[in-house]
Amino acid sequence: QVQLVESGGGWVQIGGPLRLSCSSSENIFFFNDMGWYRQAPGKERELVALINLAGLTKYTGFLQGRFMISRDGDKNMIYLQMNDLKPEDTATYYCSARELSHTTWGQGVLVTVSS
């Protein structure tokens, strides 16, 4: 079973950047798509960004322009570059990998945005 390990979380000042990384134990081109979701305290998990096998990307509308998903097939990793971070971006961020109807999740990494 694939293992996904996120890294790069932590505390960041309002307006600052942060880049999250997700390492896959399997070839990332094995999956229909990979992505990032987030869950804030007391809220449901929500989509942040997806990248599919063809390299097409999809973002939750209000995040596009500040967040960018990318991948490195040689390293079997995906990334989430987050810019101009706001307090409402504070959440646990999860990496996902989908093969047909089955989705695997990473353990999550906490991002805290404050002054």
C-alpha atoms as a PDB file:
ATOM      1  CA  GLN A   1       0.000   0.000   0.000  1.00  0.00           C
ATOM      2  CA  VAL A   2       1.270   3.452  -0.879  1.00  0.00           C
ATOM      3  CA  GLN A   3       2.650   5.617   1.877  1.00  0.00           C
ATOM      4  CA  LEU A   4       2.339   9.393   1.675  1.00  0.00           C
ATOM      5  CA  VAL A   5       4.431  11.572   3.943  1.00  0.00           C
ATOM      6  CA  GLU A   6       3.881  15.309   4.185  1.00  0.00           C
ATOM      7  CA  SER A   7       6.466  17.807   5.367  1.00  0.00           C
ATOM      8  CA  GLY A   8       7.055  21.535   5.462  1.00  0.00           C
ATOM      9  CA  GLY A   9       4.329  22.614   7.824  1.00  0.00           C
ATOM     10  CA  GLY A  10       4.733  24.928  10.764  1.00  0.00           C
ATOM     11  CA  TRP A  11       4.120  28.486  11.831  1.00  0.00           C
ATOM     12  CA  VAL A  12       4.232  31.328   9.348  1.00  0.00           C
ATOM     13  CA  GLN A  13       3.491  35.008   9.637  1.00  0.00           C
ATOM     14  CA  ILE A  14       0.487  36.543   7.953  1.00  0.00           C
ATOM     15  CA  GLY A  15       1.386  37.328   4.366  1.00  0.00           C
ATOM     16  CA  GLY A  16       4.271  34.896   4.302  1.00  0.00           C
ATOM     17  CA  PRO A  17       4.949  31.912   2.043  1.00  0.00           C
ATOM     18  CA  LEU A  18       5.248  28.249   2.855  1.00  0.00           C
ATOM     19  CA  ARG A  19       5.846  25.184   0.723  1.00  0.00           C
ATOM     20  CA  LEU A  20       4.494  21.789   1.632  1.00  0.00           C
ATOM     21  CA  SER A  21       5.952  18.585   0.255  1.00  0.00           C
ATOM     22  CA  CYS A  22       4.464  15.125  -0.085  1.00  0.00           C
ATOM     23  CA  SER A  23       6.630  12.102  -0.701  1.00  0.00           C
ATOM     24  CA  SER A  24       5.046   8.998  -2.241  1.00  0.00           C
ATOM     25  CA  SER A  25       6.376   5.486  -1.781  1.00  0.00           C
ATOM     26  CA  GLU A  26       4.946   4.642  -5.215  1.00  0.00           C
ATOM     27  CA  ASN A  27       5.494   6.158  -8.629  1.00  0.00           C
ATOM     28  CA  ILE A  28       3.213   9.186  -8.667  1.00  0.00           C
ATOM     29  CA  PHE A  29       2.197   8.438 -12.257  1.00  0.00           C
ATOM     30  CA  PHE A  30       0.509   5.323 -10.948  1.00  0.00           C
ATOM     31  CA  PHE A  31      -2.340   7.494  -9.641  1.00  0.00           C
ATOM     32  CA  ASN A  32      -5.220   9.108 -11.472  1.00  0.00           C
ATOM     33  CA  ASP A  33      -4.577  12.232  -9.469  1.00  0.00           C
ATOM     34  CA  MET A  34      -2.816  13.547  -6.413  1.00  0.00           C
ATOM     35  CA  GLY A  35      -3.668  16.538  -4.368  1.00  0.00           C
ATOM     36  CA  TRP A  36      -3.885  18.570  -1.238  1.00  0.00           C
ATOM     37  CA  TYR A  37      -6.817  18.927   1.109  1.00  0.00           C
ATOM     38  CA  ARG A  38      -7.079  20.814   4.361  1.00  0.00           C
ATOM     39  CA  GLN A  39      -9.138  20.649   7.499  1.00  0.00           C
ATOM     40  CA  ALA A  40      -9.472  23.504   9.935  1.00  0.00           C
ATOM     41  CA  PRO A  41     -10.593  22.883  13.522  1.00  0.00           C
ATOM     42  CA  GLY A  42     -14.316  22.271  13.648  1.00  0.00           C
ATOM     43  CA  LYS A  43     -14.662  22.226   9.881  1.00  0.00           C
ATOM     44  CA  GLU A  44     -14.901  19.581   7.213  1.00  0.00           C
ATOM     45  CA  ARG A  45     -11.986  18.574   5.061  1.00  0.00           C
ATOM     46  CA  GLU A  46     -11.923  20.597   1.853  1.00  0.00           C
ATOM     47  CA  LEU A  47     -10.117  20.381  -1.448  1.00  0.00           C
ATOM     48  CA  VAL A  48      -7.197  22.740  -1.940  1.00  0.00           C
ATOM     49  CA  ALA A  49      -5.661  21.583  -5.232  1.00  0.00           C
ATOM     50  CA  LEU A  50      -5.403  18.549  -7.494  1.00  0.00           C
ATOM     51  CA  ILE A  51      -3.015  17.532 -10.246  1.00  0.00           C
ATOM     52  CA  ASN A  52      -3.979  14.697 -12.553  1.00  0.00           C
ATOM     53  CA  LEU A  53      -1.982  12.214 -14.566  1.00  0.00           C
ATOM     54  CA  ALA A  54      -1.811  14.594 -17.527  1.00  0.00           C
ATOM     55  CA  GLY A  55      -0.553  17.391 -15.336  1.00  0.00           C
ATOM     56  CA  LEU A  56      -3.777  19.353 -15.371  1.00  0.00           C
ATOM     57  CA  THR A  57      -4.463  21.224 -12.171  1.00  0.00           C
ATOM     58  CA  LYS A  58      -7.609  22.162 -10.323  1.00  0.00           C
ATOM     59  CA  TYR A  59      -7.977  24.556  -7.425  1.00  0.00           C
ATOM     60  CA  THR A  60     -10.663  25.553  -5.025  1.00  0.00           C
ATOM     61  CA  GLY A  61     -11.631  28.848  -6.576  1.00  0.00           C
ATOM     62  CA  PHE A  62     -10.808  31.246  -3.799  1.00  0.00           C
ATOM     63  CA  LEU A  63      -7.303  29.778  -3.393  1.00  0.00           C
ATOM     64  CA  GLN A  64      -6.227  29.994  -6.995  1.00  0.00           C
ATOM     65  CA  GLY A  65      -3.662  32.695  -7.445  1.00  0.00           C
ATOM     66  CA  ARG A  66      -2.187  32.239  -3.978  1.00  0.00           C
ATOM     67  CA  PHE A  67      -1.592  28.478  -4.006  1.00  0.00           C
ATOM     68  CA  MET A  68       0.131  26.377  -6.634  1.00  0.00           C
ATOM     69  CA  ILE A  69       0.421  22.612  -6.881  1.00  0.00           C
ATOM     70  CA  SER A  70       3.323  20.983  -8.680  1.00  0.00           C
ATOM     71  CA  ARG A  71       5.056  17.630  -8.935  1.00  0.00           C
ATOM     72  CA  ASP A  72       8.429  16.028  -9.511  1.00  0.00           C
ATOM     73  CA  GLY A  73       8.115  12.619 -11.107  1.00  0.00           C
ATOM     74  CA  ASP A  74      11.792  11.832 -10.645  1.00  0.00           C
ATOM     75  CA  LYS A  75      11.431  12.225  -6.884  1.00  0.00           C
ATOM     76  CA  ASN A  76       7.848  10.917  -6.620  1.00  0.00           C
ATOM     77  CA  MET A  77       6.809  14.062  -4.844  1.00  0.00           C
ATOM     78  CA  ILE A  78       4.150  16.709  -5.079  1.00  0.00           C
ATOM     79  CA  TYR A  79       4.292  20.179  -3.628  1.00  0.00           C
ATOM     80  CA  LEU A  80       1.984  22.949  -2.552  1.00  0.00           C
ATOM     81  CA  GLN A  81       3.401  26.445  -2.741  1.00  0.00           C
ATOM     82  CA  MET A  82       1.327  28.773  -0.597  1.00  0.00           C
ATOM     83  CA  ASN A  83       1.782  32.526  -0.798  1.00  0.00           C
ATOM     84  CA  ASP A  84       0.242  35.504   0.977  1.00  0.00           C
ATOM     85  CA  LEU A  85      -0.983  33.262   3.751  1.00  0.00           C
ATOM     86  CA  LYS A  86      -3.918  34.368   5.864  1.00  0.00           C
ATOM     87  CA  PRO A  87      -5.087  33.299   9.326  1.00  0.00           C
ATOM     88  CA  GLU A  88      -7.983  31.445   7.692  1.00  0.00           C
ATOM     89  CA  ASP A  89      -5.449  29.209   5.938  1.00  0.00           C
ATOM     90  CA  THR A  90      -4.595  27.718   9.323  1.00  0.00           C
ATOM     91  CA  ALA A  91      -5.410  24.017   9.068  1.00  0.00           C
ATOM     92  CA  THR A  92      -4.018  20.542   8.856  1.00  0.00           C
ATOM     93  CA  TYR A  93      -3.042  19.879   5.254  1.00  0.00           C
ATOM     94  CA  TYR A  94      -3.310  16.390   3.832  1.00  0.00           C
ATOM     95  CA  CYS A  95      -1.743  14.876   0.754  1.00  0.00           C
ATOM     96  CA  SER A  96      -3.928  12.515  -1.260  1.00  0.00           C
ATOM     97  CA  ALA A  97      -3.389   9.967  -4.003  1.00  0.00           C
ATOM     98  CA  ARG A  98      -6.311   8.501  -5.935  1.00  0.00           C
ATOM     99  CA  GLU A  99      -6.329   5.315  -7.949  1.00  0.00           C
ATOM    100  CA  LEU A 100      -9.788   4.883  -9.501  1.00  0.00           C
ATOM    101  CA  SER A 101     -12.166   4.968  -6.527  1.00  0.00           C
ATOM    102  CA  HIS A 102      -9.562   4.432  -3.828  1.00  0.00           C
ATOM    103  CA  THR A 103      -7.902   7.406  -2.131  1.00  0.00           C
ATOM    104  CA  THR A 104      -4.909   7.174   0.151  1.00  0.00           C
ATOM    105  CA  TRP A 105      -4.169   9.940   2.646  1.00  0.00           C
ATOM    106  CA  GLY A 106      -1.054  11.138   4.339  1.00  0.00           C
ATOM    107  CA  GLN A 107      -0.967  11.737   8.067  1.00  0.00           C
ATOM    108  CA  GLY A 108      -1.338  15.479   7.666  1.00  0.00           C
ATOM    109  CA  VAL A 109       0.828  18.455   8.510  1.00  0.00           C
ATOM    110  CA  LEU A 110      -0.239  21.461  10.549  1.00  0.00           C
ATOM    111  CA  VAL A 111       0.053  24.965   9.125  1.00  0.00           C
ATOM    112  CA  THR A 112      -0.508  27.865  11.515  1.00  0.00           C
ATOM    113  CA  VAL A 113      -0.737  31.416  10.194  1.00  0.00           C
ATOM    114  CA  SER A 114      -0.636  34.267  12.672  1.00  0.00           C
ATOM    115  CA  SER A 115       0.994  37.586  13.423  1.00  0.00           C
END
